[in-house]
């Protein structure tokens, strides 16, 4: 199945402890069906010093992954989350917001 969420998209969390938060997608794991969203599901990691000349040890906060079904793309026109559908026109596939019908902006800028 085609992935409707890509790295760089603006999404909103729809369920869980971080419900209502918006952020950019940092990474997508298609095999596990999970995404990392900036400033969502922050976790503390204890890192050992080393592994590079400038790497200090200590406690670091980083984003955890959440299931892709718990996020929705945010429509730029309304600022609200919306479902996304795939339309095929002239052999090209594009993502379209279900509510407004507007095309989803490409996060890579192509």
N, C-alpha and C. Protein backbone atom coordinates (compact mmCIF):
# COMPACT_ATOMS: atom_id res chain seq x y z
N UNK A 1 0.84 -1.19 0.00
CA UNK A 1 0.00 0.00 0.00
C UNK A 1 0.88 1.25 0.00
N UNK A 2 0.44 2.25 -0.69
CA UNK A 2 1.21 3.49 -0.80
C UNK A 2 1.23 4.20 0.54
N UNK A 3 2.39 4.76 0.86
CA UNK A 3 2.51 5.51 2.10
C UNK A 3 1.97 6.92 1.89
N UNK A 4 1.07 7.32 2.75
CA UNK A 4 0.47 8.64 2.63
C UNK A 4 1.23 9.68 3.42
N UNK A 5 2.17 9.23 4.25
CA UNK A 5 2.96 10.15 5.07
C UNK A 5 4.42 9.99 4.71
N UNK A 6 5.09 11.12 4.48
CA UNK A 6 6.49 11.12 4.08
C UNK A 6 7.31 11.99 5.03
N UNK A 7 8.60 11.80 4.97
CA UNK A 7 9.52 12.60 5.77
C UNK A 7 9.37 14.07 5.39
N UNK A 8 9.24 14.94 6.39
CA UNK A 8 9.11 16.37 6.15
C UNK A 8 7.68 16.87 6.17
N UNK A 9 6.68 15.97 6.16
CA UNK A 9 5.28 16.39 6.21
C UNK A 9 4.92 16.97 7.57
N UNK A 10 3.98 17.90 7.58
CA UNK A 10 3.44 18.44 8.83
C UNK A 10 2.26 17.57 9.24
N UNK A 11 2.34 16.97 10.44
CA UNK A 11 1.29 16.07 10.90
C UNK A 11 0.82 16.48 12.29
N UNK A 12 -0.35 15.96 12.67
CA UNK A 12 -0.89 16.16 14.00
C UNK A 12 -1.16 14.80 14.62
N UNK A 13 -0.82 14.65 15.89
CA UNK A 13 -1.04 13.39 16.60
C UNK A 13 -2.52 13.32 16.98
N UNK A 14 -3.17 12.19 16.67
CA UNK A 14 -4.61 12.06 16.89
C UNK A 14 -4.96 11.27 18.14
N UNK A 15 -4.01 10.52 18.70
CA UNK A 15 -4.31 9.76 19.91
C UNK A 15 -3.05 9.54 20.73
N UNK A 16 -3.25 9.24 22.00
CA UNK A 16 -2.13 9.00 22.89
C UNK A 16 -1.86 10.19 23.79
N UNK A 17 -0.77 10.11 24.53
CA UNK A 17 -0.43 11.15 25.51
C UNK A 17 -0.13 12.49 24.84
N UNK A 18 0.36 12.46 23.61
CA UNK A 18 0.73 13.69 22.90
C UNK A 18 -0.36 14.14 21.92
N UNK A 19 -1.59 13.75 22.17
CA UNK A 19 -2.69 14.08 21.27
C UNK A 19 -2.82 15.59 21.08
N UNK A 20 -2.97 16.02 19.82
CA UNK A 20 -3.14 17.43 19.51
C UNK A 20 -1.85 18.14 19.12
N UNK A 21 -0.70 17.54 19.40
CA UNK A 21 0.56 18.18 19.05
C UNK A 21 0.82 18.07 17.55
N UNK A 22 1.41 19.12 16.99
CA UNK A 22 1.79 19.13 15.58
C UNK A 22 3.30 19.19 15.45
N UNK A 23 3.81 18.61 14.38
CA UNK A 23 5.24 18.65 14.13
C UNK A 23 5.58 18.03 12.79
N UNK A 24 6.83 18.20 12.40
CA UNK A 24 7.31 17.63 11.13
C UNK A 24 7.76 16.19 11.33
N UNK A 25 7.54 15.37 10.32
CA UNK A 25 7.98 13.97 10.36
C UNK A 25 9.48 13.94 10.15
N UNK A 26 10.20 13.31 11.10
CA UNK A 26 11.64 13.20 11.01
C UNK A 26 12.08 11.96 10.25
N UNK A 27 11.34 10.85 10.42
CA UNK A 27 11.66 9.62 9.71
C UNK A 27 10.44 8.74 9.64
N UNK A 28 10.43 7.84 8.66
CA UNK A 28 9.33 6.90 8.45
C UNK A 28 9.92 5.50 8.35
N UNK A 29 9.39 4.56 9.14
CA UNK A 29 9.78 3.16 9.07
C UNK A 29 8.62 2.40 8.44
N UNK A 30 8.72 2.11 7.15
CA UNK A 30 7.62 1.48 6.43
C UNK A 30 7.39 0.05 6.87
N UNK A 31 8.45 -0.68 7.20
CA UNK A 31 8.30 -2.08 7.62
C UNK A 31 7.49 -2.20 8.90
N UNK A 32 7.78 -1.35 9.87
CA UNK A 32 7.09 -1.41 11.16
C UNK A 32 5.86 -0.52 11.19
N UNK A 33 5.69 0.37 10.21
CA UNK A 33 4.53 1.25 10.17
C UNK A 33 4.58 2.32 11.24
N UNK A 34 5.78 2.86 11.48
CA UNK A 34 5.95 3.86 12.54
C UNK A 34 6.64 5.10 12.00
N UNK A 35 6.38 6.24 12.67
CA UNK A 35 7.00 7.51 12.28
C UNK A 35 7.57 8.19 13.52
N UNK A 36 8.57 9.05 13.31
CA UNK A 36 9.11 9.91 14.37
C UNK A 36 8.70 11.33 14.02
N UNK A 37 8.12 12.01 15.00
CA UNK A 37 7.64 13.38 14.82
C UNK A 37 8.40 14.26 15.80
N UNK A 38 8.85 15.44 15.32
CA UNK A 38 9.64 16.31 16.19
C UNK A 38 8.84 16.75 17.41
N UNK A 39 9.50 16.70 18.57
CA UNK A 39 8.96 17.12 19.86
C UNK A 39 7.75 16.30 20.31
N UNK A 40 7.61 15.06 19.81
CA UNK A 40 6.52 14.18 20.20
C UNK A 40 7.11 12.88 20.76
N UNK A 41 6.55 12.41 21.87
CA UNK A 41 6.99 11.18 22.55
C UNK A 41 8.48 11.24 22.89
N UNK A 42 8.84 12.29 23.61
CA UNK A 42 10.24 12.49 23.99
C UNK A 42 10.66 11.43 25.00
N UNK A 43 11.84 10.85 24.78
CA UNK A 43 12.38 9.81 25.64
C UNK A 43 13.79 10.18 26.06
N UNK A 44 14.19 9.73 27.24
CA UNK A 44 15.55 9.97 27.71
C UNK A 44 16.41 8.75 27.38
N UNK A 45 17.58 9.02 26.79
CA UNK A 45 18.54 7.96 26.45
C UNK A 45 19.83 8.24 27.20
N UNK A 46 20.41 7.20 27.77
CA UNK A 46 21.67 7.32 28.48
C UNK A 46 22.78 6.88 27.52
N UNK A 47 23.62 7.82 27.11
CA UNK A 47 24.66 7.54 26.14
C UNK A 47 26.03 7.53 26.79
N UNK A 48 26.83 6.57 26.36
CA UNK A 48 28.20 6.48 26.83
C UNK A 48 29.06 7.45 26.02
N UNK A 49 30.03 8.05 26.66
CA UNK A 49 30.93 8.98 25.97
C UNK A 49 31.77 8.20 24.96
N UNK A 50 32.17 8.89 23.90
CA UNK A 50 33.00 8.26 22.88
C UNK A 50 32.29 8.22 21.54
N UNK A 51 32.67 7.26 20.73
CA UNK A 51 32.11 7.09 19.38
C UNK A 51 32.20 8.37 18.58
N UNK A 52 33.36 8.92 18.55
CA UNK A 52 33.57 10.16 17.81
C UNK A 52 34.34 11.15 18.65
N UNK A 53 35.00 12.06 18.00
CA UNK A 53 35.85 12.99 18.75
C UNK A 53 35.09 13.98 19.62
N UNK A 54 33.87 14.35 19.24
CA UNK A 54 33.14 15.40 19.96
C UNK A 54 31.94 14.87 20.70
N UNK A 55 31.85 13.56 20.91
CA UNK A 55 30.66 12.99 21.52
C UNK A 55 30.84 12.87 23.03
N UNK A 56 30.05 13.63 23.77
CA UNK A 56 30.07 13.57 25.23
C UNK A 56 28.97 12.63 25.69
N UNK A 57 29.19 11.99 26.80
CA UNK A 57 28.19 11.10 27.36
C UNK A 57 27.18 11.88 28.16
N UNK A 58 26.16 11.18 28.62
CA UNK A 58 25.15 11.81 29.46
C UNK A 58 23.75 11.39 29.07
N UNK A 59 22.78 12.08 29.61
CA UNK A 59 21.38 11.80 29.35
C UNK A 59 20.91 12.73 28.23
N UNK A 60 20.39 12.14 27.16
CA UNK A 60 19.95 12.90 25.99
C UNK A 60 18.47 12.63 25.76
N UNK A 61 17.73 13.68 25.43
CA UNK A 61 16.32 13.50 25.08
C UNK A 61 16.19 13.41 23.57
N UNK A 62 15.41 12.42 23.12
CA UNK A 62 15.17 12.29 21.68
C UNK A 62 13.75 11.79 21.45
N UNK A 63 13.29 11.92 20.21
CA UNK A 63 11.93 11.55 19.87
C UNK A 63 11.82 10.03 19.75
N UNK A 64 10.70 9.50 20.25
CA UNK A 64 10.38 8.10 20.07
C UNK A 64 9.46 7.95 18.88
N UNK A 65 9.22 6.71 18.46
CA UNK A 65 8.36 6.50 17.30
C UNK A 65 6.93 6.24 17.76
N UNK A 66 5.98 6.61 16.90
CA UNK A 66 4.57 6.33 17.14
C UNK A 66 4.00 5.68 15.89
N UNK A 67 2.91 4.97 16.05
CA UNK A 67 2.32 4.26 14.91
C UNK A 67 1.74 5.25 13.91
N UNK A 68 1.86 4.92 12.63
CA UNK A 68 1.44 5.82 11.57
C UNK A 68 -0.07 6.07 11.60
N UNK A 69 -0.85 5.15 12.19
CA UNK A 69 -2.29 5.35 12.26
C UNK A 69 -2.68 6.41 13.29
N UNK A 70 -1.73 6.83 14.12
CA UNK A 70 -2.01 7.83 15.15
C UNK A 70 -1.65 9.24 14.74
N UNK A 71 -1.34 9.46 13.46
CA UNK A 71 -1.06 10.80 12.96
C UNK A 71 -1.86 11.06 11.70
N UNK A 72 -2.18 12.34 11.47
CA UNK A 72 -2.87 12.76 10.25
C UNK A 72 -2.15 13.97 9.69
N UNK A 73 -2.12 14.07 8.37
CA UNK A 73 -1.53 15.24 7.72
C UNK A 73 -2.36 16.47 8.01
N UNK A 74 -1.69 17.61 8.15
CA UNK A 74 -2.36 18.88 8.43
C UNK A 74 -2.53 19.64 7.12
N UNK A 75 -3.78 20.02 6.83
CA UNK A 75 -4.09 20.80 5.63
C UNK A 75 -3.59 22.23 5.83
N UNK A 76 -2.79 22.73 4.91
CA UNK A 76 -2.20 24.06 5.04
C UNK A 76 -3.26 25.16 4.96
N UNK A 77 -4.34 24.93 4.21
CA UNK A 77 -5.37 25.95 4.06
C UNK A 77 -6.16 26.16 5.35
N UNK A 78 -6.58 25.06 5.98
CA UNK A 78 -7.42 25.17 7.16
C UNK A 78 -6.64 25.05 8.47
N UNK A 79 -5.46 24.45 8.43
CA UNK A 79 -4.68 24.24 9.64
C UNK A 79 -5.18 23.09 10.48
N UNK A 80 -6.11 22.29 9.93
CA UNK A 80 -6.69 21.16 10.64
C UNK A 80 -6.26 19.85 9.98
N UNK A 81 -6.25 18.75 10.75
CA UNK A 81 -5.88 17.47 10.15
C UNK A 81 -6.94 16.98 9.18
N UNK A 82 -6.49 16.27 8.16
CA UNK A 82 -7.39 15.77 7.13
C UNK A 82 -6.89 14.44 6.63
N UNK A 83 -7.80 13.60 6.18
CA UNK A 83 -7.42 12.36 5.54
C UNK A 83 -6.81 12.69 4.18
N UNK A 84 -6.07 11.72 3.65
CA UNK A 84 -5.40 11.93 2.37
C UNK A 84 -5.76 10.78 1.44
N UNK A 85 -6.00 11.09 0.18
CA UNK A 85 -6.24 10.05 -0.81
C UNK A 85 -5.23 10.21 -1.94
N UNK A 86 -5.04 9.16 -2.69
CA UNK A 86 -4.11 9.16 -3.81
C UNK A 86 -4.92 9.29 -5.10
N UNK A 87 -4.60 10.28 -5.92
CA UNK A 87 -5.24 10.45 -7.21
C UNK A 87 -4.22 10.19 -8.30
N UNK A 88 -4.67 9.57 -9.38
CA UNK A 88 -3.79 9.31 -10.51
C UNK A 88 -4.30 10.14 -11.69
N UNK A 89 -3.45 11.02 -12.18
CA UNK A 89 -3.80 11.85 -13.33
C UNK A 89 -2.61 11.87 -14.29
N UNK A 90 -2.85 11.52 -15.52
CA UNK A 90 -1.80 11.48 -16.55
C UNK A 90 -0.66 10.55 -16.15
N UNK A 91 -0.98 9.47 -15.46
CA UNK A 91 0.02 8.51 -15.05
C UNK A 91 0.83 8.92 -13.84
N UNK A 92 0.58 10.11 -13.31
CA UNK A 92 1.31 10.58 -12.13
C UNK A 92 0.43 10.45 -10.90
N UNK A 93 1.00 9.94 -9.83
CA UNK A 93 0.27 9.81 -8.58
C UNK A 93 0.54 11.02 -7.71
N UNK A 94 -0.50 11.52 -7.06
CA UNK A 94 -0.31 12.65 -6.16
C UNK A 94 -1.24 12.50 -4.98
N UNK A 95 -0.80 13.06 -3.86
CA UNK A 95 -1.59 13.00 -2.63
C UNK A 95 -2.49 14.23 -2.58
N UNK A 96 -3.74 14.00 -2.17
CA UNK A 96 -4.75 15.07 -2.14
C UNK A 96 -5.48 15.00 -0.81
N UNK A 97 -5.72 16.18 -0.19
CA UNK A 97 -6.50 16.22 1.05
C UNK A 97 -7.95 15.89 0.74
N UNK A 98 -8.55 15.03 1.56
CA UNK A 98 -9.93 14.60 1.32
C UNK A 98 -10.93 15.72 1.57
N UNK A 99 -10.68 16.58 2.57
CA UNK A 99 -11.64 17.63 2.90
C UNK A 99 -11.65 18.75 1.87
N UNK A 100 -10.48 19.30 1.56
CA UNK A 100 -10.42 20.47 0.69
C UNK A 100 -10.20 20.13 -0.77
N UNK A 101 -9.65 18.97 -1.05
CA UNK A 101 -9.34 18.60 -2.43
C UNK A 101 -8.04 19.20 -2.93
N UNK A 102 -7.33 19.93 -2.08
CA UNK A 102 -6.06 20.55 -2.47
C UNK A 102 -4.95 19.51 -2.46
N UNK A 103 -3.96 19.71 -3.30
CA UNK A 103 -2.82 18.81 -3.35
C UNK A 103 -1.95 18.98 -2.11
N UNK A 104 -1.40 17.90 -1.63
CA UNK A 104 -0.49 17.94 -0.48
C UNK A 104 0.84 18.50 -0.97
N UNK A 105 1.39 19.54 -0.33
CA UNK A 105 2.68 20.07 -0.77
C UNK A 105 3.79 19.03 -0.60
N UNK A 106 4.67 18.97 -1.58
CA UNK A 106 5.76 18.01 -1.56
C UNK A 106 6.80 18.45 -0.54
N UNK A 107 7.12 17.62 0.46
CA UNK A 107 8.06 18.04 1.49
C UNK A 107 9.49 18.19 0.98
N UNK A 108 9.81 17.54 -0.13
CA UNK A 108 11.17 17.64 -0.67
C UNK A 108 11.35 18.87 -1.56
N UNK A 109 10.25 19.51 -1.93
CA UNK A 109 10.32 20.73 -2.74
C UNK A 109 10.38 20.47 -4.23
N UNK A 110 10.09 19.24 -4.66
CA UNK A 110 10.10 18.93 -6.09
C UNK A 110 8.85 19.37 -6.77
